[in-house]
Amino acid sequence: MNILAWIVLGLIAGAIAKAIYPGHQGGGILGTILLGMIGAFVGGSLGVFFATGRFALAASTLSIPGILVAVLGAIVAIFLWNALSRRAV
């Protein structure tokens, strides 16, 4: 059941992040789910870092605050991906 919650969290957070971030990100439904899952890890890790001052890998949960953190993490992930892919080209 935990994997299903991760997929739902990834879909919700990835879709919201893609809607907020300007431009076209592509990737389809699987890319959106993966983006949201990455966002959950990025957002959760940044949340732990800002709260404690220590870096630790953490992930947000399927809750309203968890979705907000995952959306913010997914926006950071989109920004970093765009910055890295533009330099490589």
N, C-alpha and C. Protein backbone atom coordinates (compact mmCIF):
# COMPACT_ATOMS: atom_id res chain seq x y z
N MET A 1 0.81 -1.19 0.00
CA MET A 1 0.00 0.00 0.00
C MET A 1 0.86 1.26 0.00
N ASN A 2 2.06 1.16 0.57
CA ASN A 2 2.95 2.31 0.63
C ASN A 2 3.39 2.74 -0.77
N ILE A 3 3.61 1.80 -1.66
CA ILE A 3 4.02 2.13 -3.03
C ILE A 3 2.89 2.86 -3.75
N LEU A 4 1.66 2.44 -3.52
CA LEU A 4 0.52 3.11 -4.12
C LEU A 4 0.41 4.56 -3.63
N ALA A 5 0.68 4.78 -2.36
CA ALA A 5 0.67 6.14 -1.81
C ALA A 5 1.77 6.99 -2.46
N TRP A 6 2.93 6.40 -2.70
CA TRP A 6 4.02 7.13 -3.38
C TRP A 6 3.63 7.50 -4.80
N ILE A 7 2.96 6.60 -5.49
CA ILE A 7 2.54 6.88 -6.87
C ILE A 7 1.51 8.01 -6.89
N VAL A 8 0.55 7.96 -5.97
CA VAL A 8 -0.46 9.01 -5.90
C VAL A 8 0.18 10.35 -5.53
N LEU A 9 1.08 10.34 -4.54
CA LEU A 9 1.78 11.56 -4.16
C LEU A 9 2.58 12.11 -5.33
N GLY A 10 3.27 11.24 -6.04
CA GLY A 10 4.04 11.67 -7.20
C GLY A 10 3.18 12.27 -8.29
N LEU A 11 2.04 11.66 -8.55
CA LEU A 11 1.14 12.17 -9.58
C LEU A 11 0.59 13.54 -9.21
N ILE A 12 0.13 13.68 -7.97
CA ILE A 12 -0.44 14.95 -7.54
C ILE A 12 0.62 16.05 -7.52
N ALA A 13 1.74 15.77 -6.87
CA ALA A 13 2.79 16.79 -6.74
C ALA A 13 3.39 17.14 -8.10
N GLY A 14 3.64 16.15 -8.94
CA GLY A 14 4.21 16.42 -10.26
C GLY A 14 3.27 17.22 -11.14
N ALA A 15 1.98 16.89 -11.11
CA ALA A 15 1.01 17.62 -11.93
C ALA A 15 0.88 19.07 -11.47
N ILE A 16 0.86 19.29 -10.16
CA ILE A 16 0.75 20.67 -9.66
C ILE A 16 2.02 21.45 -9.99
N ALA A 17 3.18 20.83 -9.83
CA ALA A 17 4.43 21.52 -10.13
C ALA A 17 4.53 21.88 -11.61
N LYS A 18 4.12 20.96 -12.48
CA LYS A 18 4.15 21.24 -13.92
C LYS A 18 3.17 22.35 -14.28
N ALA A 19 2.05 22.43 -13.57
CA ALA A 19 1.07 23.49 -13.84
C ALA A 19 1.58 24.85 -13.37
N ILE A 20 2.34 24.86 -12.28
CA ILE A 20 2.85 26.12 -11.73
C ILE A 20 4.06 26.61 -12.50
N TYR A 21 4.99 25.73 -12.82
CA TYR A 21 6.25 26.13 -13.45
C TYR A 21 6.01 26.54 -14.90
N PRO A 22 6.54 27.69 -15.32
CA PRO A 22 6.29 28.15 -16.70
C PRO A 22 7.05 27.31 -17.72
N GLY A 23 6.47 27.21 -18.90
CA GLY A 23 7.10 26.46 -19.98
C GLY A 23 6.55 25.06 -20.10
N HIS A 24 7.10 24.31 -21.04
CA HIS A 24 6.65 22.94 -21.30
C HIS A 24 7.70 21.97 -20.77
N GLN A 25 7.26 21.03 -19.92
CA GLN A 25 8.19 20.07 -19.35
C GLN A 25 8.14 18.70 -20.04
N GLY A 26 7.02 18.34 -20.63
CA GLY A 26 6.90 17.05 -21.30
C GLY A 26 6.98 15.89 -20.33
N GLY A 27 7.16 14.70 -20.84
CA GLY A 27 7.38 13.53 -20.01
C GLY A 27 6.19 12.62 -19.83
N GLY A 28 4.99 13.07 -20.09
CA GLY A 28 3.81 12.22 -19.95
C GLY A 28 3.49 11.91 -18.50
N ILE A 29 2.63 10.92 -18.31
CA ILE A 29 2.16 10.58 -16.97
C ILE A 29 3.26 9.95 -16.13
N LEU A 30 4.08 9.10 -16.72
CA LEU A 30 5.16 8.47 -15.96
C LEU A 30 6.21 9.49 -15.55
N GLY A 31 6.51 10.43 -16.43
CA GLY A 31 7.44 11.50 -16.10
C GLY A 31 6.90 12.39 -14.99
N THR A 32 5.60 12.62 -15.00
CA THR A 32 4.97 13.43 -13.97
C THR A 32 5.05 12.73 -12.62
N ILE A 33 4.77 11.43 -12.59
CA ILE A 33 4.83 10.66 -11.35
C ILE A 33 6.27 10.64 -10.83
N LEU A 34 7.23 10.40 -11.70
CA LEU A 34 8.63 10.37 -11.30
C LEU A 34 9.08 11.73 -10.78
N LEU A 35 8.65 12.79 -11.46
CA LEU A 35 8.98 14.14 -11.02
C LEU A 35 8.43 14.40 -9.62
N GLY A 36 7.21 14.00 -9.37
CA GLY A 36 6.62 14.18 -8.05
C GLY A 36 7.33 13.38 -6.97
N MET A 37 7.75 12.17 -7.30
CA MET A 37 8.49 11.36 -6.33
C MET A 37 9.85 11.98 -6.03
N ILE A 38 10.53 12.44 -7.05
CA ILE A 38 11.80 13.13 -6.84
C ILE A 38 11.57 14.40 -6.02
N GLY A 39 10.49 15.10 -6.33
CA GLY A 39 10.15 16.30 -5.57
C GLY A 39 9.88 16.00 -4.11
N ALA A 40 9.28 14.85 -3.81
CA ALA A 40 9.03 14.47 -2.43
C ALA A 40 10.34 14.27 -1.67
N PHE A 41 11.32 13.65 -2.33
CA PHE A 41 12.62 13.47 -1.69
C PHE A 41 13.37 14.79 -1.55
N VAL A 42 13.37 15.60 -2.60
CA VAL A 42 14.07 16.90 -2.55
C VAL A 42 13.42 17.79 -1.49
N GLY A 43 12.11 17.90 -1.53
CA GLY A 43 11.40 18.74 -0.57
C GLY A 43 11.54 18.24 0.86
N GLY A 44 11.44 16.94 1.06
CA GLY A 44 11.60 16.37 2.40
C GLY A 44 13.01 16.58 2.94
N SER A 45 14.01 16.40 2.08
CA SER A 45 15.39 16.60 2.51
C SER A 45 15.67 18.07 2.82
N LEU A 46 15.14 18.98 1.99
CA LEU A 46 15.32 20.41 2.28
C LEU A 46 14.59 20.81 3.55
N GLY A 47 13.42 20.23 3.78
CA GLY A 47 12.68 20.51 5.01
C GLY A 47 13.45 20.09 6.25
N VAL A 48 14.05 18.90 6.21
CA VAL A 48 14.86 18.44 7.34
C VAL A 48 16.08 19.34 7.51
N PHE A 49 16.70 19.74 6.40
CA PHE A 49 17.89 20.59 6.48
C PHE A 49 17.56 21.94 7.11
N PHE A 50 16.46 22.56 6.68
CA PHE A 50 16.11 23.86 7.24
C PHE A 50 15.61 23.77 8.67
N ALA A 51 15.02 22.65 9.05
CA ALA A 51 14.51 22.50 10.41
C ALA A 51 15.62 22.16 11.41
N THR A 52 16.59 21.33 11.00
CA THR A 52 17.60 20.86 11.94
C THR A 52 19.00 21.37 11.64
N GLY A 53 19.24 21.81 10.43
CA GLY A 53 20.58 22.23 10.05
C GLY A 53 21.47 21.08 9.61
N ARG A 54 20.93 19.89 9.54
CA ARG A 54 21.68 18.71 9.10
C ARG A 54 21.07 18.16 7.83
N PHE A 55 21.91 17.62 6.96
CA PHE A 55 21.41 17.03 5.72
C PHE A 55 21.08 15.57 5.96
N ALA A 56 19.87 15.18 5.64
CA ALA A 56 19.44 13.79 5.74
C ALA A 56 18.43 13.52 4.63
N LEU A 57 18.51 12.34 4.04
CA LEU A 57 17.53 11.97 3.02
C LEU A 57 16.21 11.67 3.71
N ALA A 58 15.20 12.39 3.32
CA ALA A 58 13.87 12.20 3.89
C ALA A 58 12.85 12.41 2.79
N ALA A 59 11.68 11.90 2.99
CA ALA A 59 10.62 12.06 2.00
C ALA A 59 9.36 12.52 2.70
N SER A 60 8.56 13.27 1.96
CA SER A 60 7.30 13.72 2.53
C SER A 60 6.25 12.61 2.42
N THR A 61 5.17 12.77 3.16
CA THR A 61 4.12 11.76 3.19
C THR A 61 2.90 12.23 2.41
N LEU A 62 1.95 11.35 2.26
CA LEU A 62 0.72 11.67 1.54
C LEU A 62 -0.24 12.38 2.49
N SER A 63 0.00 13.67 2.65
CA SER A 63 -0.83 14.55 3.47
C SER A 63 -0.77 15.93 2.83
N ILE A 64 -1.57 16.85 3.30
CA ILE A 64 -1.58 18.20 2.71
C ILE A 64 -0.20 18.86 2.86
N PRO A 65 0.41 18.89 4.06
CA PRO A 65 1.75 19.48 4.14
C PRO A 65 2.78 18.70 3.31
N GLY A 66 2.63 17.38 3.26
CA GLY A 66 3.54 16.57 2.47
C GLY A 66 3.43 16.87 0.99
N ILE A 67 2.21 17.09 0.51
CA ILE A 67 2.02 17.43 -0.90
C ILE A 67 2.63 18.79 -1.20
N LEU A 68 2.44 19.75 -0.29
CA LEU A 68 3.02 21.08 -0.50
C LEU A 68 4.54 21.01 -0.56
N VAL A 69 5.15 20.24 0.33
CA VAL A 69 6.60 20.09 0.34
C VAL A 69 7.05 19.38 -0.94
N ALA A 70 6.32 18.37 -1.37
CA ALA A 70 6.67 17.64 -2.60
C ALA A 70 6.54 18.54 -3.82
N VAL A 71 5.53 19.40 -3.86
CA VAL A 71 5.37 20.33 -4.98
C VAL A 71 6.54 21.30 -5.03
N LEU A 72 6.92 21.85 -3.87
CA LEU A 72 8.08 22.74 -3.84
C LEU A 72 9.35 22.02 -4.26
N GLY A 73 9.52 20.79 -3.81
CA GLY A 73 10.68 20.00 -4.23
C GLY A 73 10.66 19.70 -5.72
N ALA A 74 9.49 19.43 -6.27
CA ALA A 74 9.39 19.16 -7.71
C ALA A 74 9.69 20.41 -8.52
N ILE A 75 9.28 21.58 -8.03
CA ILE A 75 9.61 22.83 -8.73
C ILE A 75 11.12 23.04 -8.72
N VAL A 76 11.76 22.76 -7.59
CA VAL A 76 13.23 22.86 -7.52
C VAL A 76 13.86 21.86 -8.49
N ALA A 77 13.31 20.65 -8.56
CA ALA A 77 13.84 19.64 -9.48
C ALA A 77 13.68 20.06 -10.94
N ILE A 78 12.55 20.65 -11.30
CA ILE A 78 12.36 21.14 -12.67
C ILE A 78 13.37 22.24 -12.98
N PHE A 79 13.55 23.16 -12.04
CA PHE A 79 14.50 24.26 -12.23
C PHE A 79 15.92 23.71 -12.44
N LEU A 80 16.34 22.78 -11.59
CA LEU A 80 17.68 22.21 -11.73
C LEU A 80 17.84 21.43 -13.03
N TRP A 81 16.82 20.68 -13.42
CA TRP A 81 16.88 19.92 -14.67
C TRP A 81 17.01 20.86 -15.86
N ASN A 82 16.22 21.94 -15.86
CA ASN A 82 16.30 22.91 -16.96
C ASN A 82 17.66 23.60 -16.99
N ALA A 83 18.20 23.92 -15.82
CA ALA A 83 19.50 24.59 -15.76
C ALA A 83 20.61 23.65 -16.25
N LEU A 84 20.56 22.39 -15.87
CA LEU A 84 21.59 21.44 -16.30
C LEU A 84 21.47 21.07 -17.77
N SER A 85 20.24 20.93 -18.26
CA SER A 85 20.06 20.51 -19.66
C SER A 85 20.37 21.65 -20.61
N ARG A 86 20.18 22.88 -20.21
CA ARG A 86 20.52 24.02 -21.07
C ARG A 86 22.02 24.16 -21.21
N ARG A 87 22.77 23.91 -20.14
CA ARG A 87 24.23 24.01 -20.20
C ARG A 87 24.84 22.92 -21.06
N ALA A 88 24.24 21.73 -20.99
CA ALA A 88 24.79 20.59 -21.73
C ALA A 88 24.63 20.77 -23.23
N VAL A 89 23.66 21.51 -23.68
CA VAL A 89 23.39 21.65 -25.11
C VAL A 89 24.22 22.72 -25.72
